Amino acid sequence: MIAGLHKNLPNVGIYIWDGLPYSKAKTNLTQHTIISSSAVFKDLSNNKSVADWMYDATNDEIKSYGLELLLDKKY
């Protein structure tokens, strides 16, 4: 999916993090749920928070973070 985004939208900004507990249950925050939590202000990837990444993007500094997490990761 990421390769397709980069191919079709060369200037796309992507932010990926390696899980963040939502609660004591074995669930994790996703892009759909992190925006409404205080975790949006935590540095989750490359010392940047999701809020920082969104702020930068709205100010024409579109970057990607966390892409290294996609490389042959074993869980």
C-alpha atoms as a PDB file:
ATOM      1  CA  MET A   1       0.000   0.000   0.000  1.00  0.00           C
ATOM      2  CA  ILE A   2       2.793   2.451   0.899  1.00  0.00           C
ATOM      3  CA  ALA A   3       4.607   1.794  -2.385  1.00  0.00           C
ATOM      4  CA  GLY A   4       1.359   2.512  -4.249  1.00  0.00           C
ATOM      5  CA  LEU A   5       0.883   5.776  -2.389  1.00  0.00           C
ATOM      6  CA  HIS A   6       4.422   6.890  -3.197  1.00  0.00           C
ATOM      7  CA  LYS A   7       4.008   5.899  -6.848  1.00  0.00           C
ATOM      8  CA  ASN A   8       0.703   7.701  -7.326  1.00  0.00           C
ATOM      9  CA  LEU A   9       1.282  10.610  -4.938  1.00  0.00           C
ATOM     10  CA  PRO A  10       5.030  11.338  -5.007  1.00  0.00           C
ATOM     11  CA  ASN A  11       4.803  14.053  -2.353  1.00  0.00           C
ATOM     12  CA  VAL A  12       2.646  12.088   0.080  1.00  0.00           C
ATOM     13  CA  GLY A  13       3.524  12.288   3.779  1.00  0.00           C
ATOM     14  CA  ILE A  14       3.202   9.115   5.841  1.00  0.00           C
ATOM     15  CA  TYR A  15       3.454   8.655   9.597  1.00  0.00           C
ATOM     16  CA  ILE A  16       3.851   5.128  10.982  1.00  0.00           C
ATOM     17  CA  TRP A  17       4.420   4.088  14.581  1.00  0.00           C
ATOM     18  CA  ASP A  18       4.923   0.700  16.195  1.00  0.00           C
ATOM     19  CA  GLY A  19       1.832   0.289  18.308  1.00  0.00           C
ATOM     20  CA  LEU A  20       0.570   2.262  21.240  1.00  0.00           C
ATOM     21  CA  PRO A  21      -1.699   0.675  23.845  1.00  0.00           C
ATOM     22  CA  TYR A  22      -5.239   2.006  23.838  1.00  0.00           C
ATOM     23  CA  SER A  23      -6.163   0.370  27.097  1.00  0.00           C
ATOM     24  CA  LYS A  24      -5.216  -2.622  29.229  1.00  0.00           C
ATOM     25  CA  ALA A  25      -6.887  -4.762  26.579  1.00  0.00           C
ATOM     26  CA  LYS A  26      -4.727  -6.028  23.745  1.00  0.00           C
ATOM     27  CA  THR A  27      -5.810  -3.303  21.348  1.00  0.00           C
ATOM     28  CA  ASN A  28      -3.722  -0.567  19.795  1.00  0.00           C
ATOM     29  CA  LEU A  29      -4.477   2.938  18.638  1.00  0.00           C
ATOM     30  CA  THR A  30      -4.788   3.362  14.870  1.00  0.00           C
ATOM     31  CA  GLN A  31      -4.880   6.380  12.610  1.00  0.00           C
ATOM     32  CA  HIS A  32      -8.622   6.496  13.184  1.00  0.00           C
ATOM     33  CA  THR A  33      -8.375   6.631  16.974  1.00  0.00           C
ATOM     34  CA  ILE A  34      -5.123   8.413  17.830  1.00  0.00           C
ATOM     35  CA  ILE A  35      -6.395  11.853  16.796  1.00  0.00           C
ATOM     36  CA  SER A  36      -8.912  11.900  19.640  1.00  0.00           C
ATOM     37  CA  SER A  37      -6.441  10.795  22.331  1.00  0.00           C
ATOM     38  CA  SER A  38      -3.642  12.572  24.154  1.00  0.00           C
ATOM     39  CA  ALA A  39      -1.237  10.164  22.408  1.00  0.00           C
ATOM     40  CA  VAL A  40      -1.412  12.453  19.379  1.00  0.00           C
ATOM     41  CA  PHE A  41       1.123  14.651  21.234  1.00  0.00           C
ATOM     42  CA  LYS A  42       3.596  11.836  22.077  1.00  0.00           C
ATOM     43  CA  ASP A  43       6.788  11.442  20.049  1.00  0.00           C
ATOM     44  CA  LEU A  44       6.056   8.089  18.454  1.00  0.00           C
ATOM     45  CA  SER A  45       8.348   8.139  15.422  1.00  0.00           C
ATOM     46  CA  ASN A  46      11.643   9.946  14.795  1.00  0.00           C
ATOM     47  CA  ASN A  47      11.058  12.246  17.782  1.00  0.00           C
ATOM     48  CA  LYS A  48       7.969  13.702  16.112  1.00  0.00           C
ATOM     49  CA  SER A  49       4.427  13.466  17.341  1.00  0.00           C
ATOM     50  CA  VAL A  50       1.429  12.995  15.077  1.00  0.00           C
ATOM     51  CA  ALA A  51       0.447  16.565  15.982  1.00  0.00           C
ATOM     52  CA  ASP A  52       3.891  17.840  14.895  1.00  0.00           C
ATOM     53  CA  TRP A  53       3.613  15.894  11.634  1.00  0.00           C
ATOM     54  CA  MET A  54       0.155  17.347  10.891  1.00  0.00           C
ATOM     55  CA  TYR A  55       1.307  20.876  11.803  1.00  0.00           C
ATOM     56  CA  ASP A  56       4.318  20.559   9.497  1.00  0.00           C
ATOM     57  CA  ALA A  57       2.149  19.239   6.650  1.00  0.00           C
ATOM     58  CA  THR A  58      -0.260  22.154   6.918  1.00  0.00           C
ATOM     59  CA  ASN A  59       2.753  24.456   6.644  1.00  0.00           C
ATOM     60  CA  ASP A  60       4.061  22.841   3.422  1.00  0.00           C
ATOM     61  CA  GLU A  61       6.658  20.654   5.150  1.00  0.00           C
ATOM     62  CA  ILE A  62       5.349  17.255   4.114  1.00  0.00           C
ATOM     63  CA  LYS A  63       7.542  14.414   5.415  1.00  0.00           C
ATOM     64  CA  SER A  64       7.324  10.714   6.156  1.00  0.00           C
ATOM     65  CA  TYR A  65       8.275   9.055   9.411  1.00  0.00           C
ATOM     66  CA  GLY A  66       8.486   5.433  10.497  1.00  0.00           C
ATOM     67  CA  LEU A  67       8.902   3.835   7.079  1.00  0.00           C
ATOM     68  CA  GLU A  68      11.791   1.783   8.481  1.00  0.00           C
ATOM     69  CA  LEU A  69       9.225  -0.103  10.552  1.00  0.00           C
ATOM     70  CA  LEU A  70       7.988  -1.755   7.348  1.00  0.00           C
ATOM     71  CA  LEU A  71      11.297  -3.466   6.582  1.00  0.00           C
ATOM     72  CA  ASP A  72      11.186  -7.192   7.429  1.00  0.00           C
ATOM     73  CA  LYS A  73       9.853  -6.589  10.922  1.00  0.00           C
ATOM     74  CA  LYS A  74       9.374  -9.718  13.036  1.00  0.00           C
ATOM     75  CA  TYR A  75       6.772  -9.802  15.786  1.00  0.00           C
END
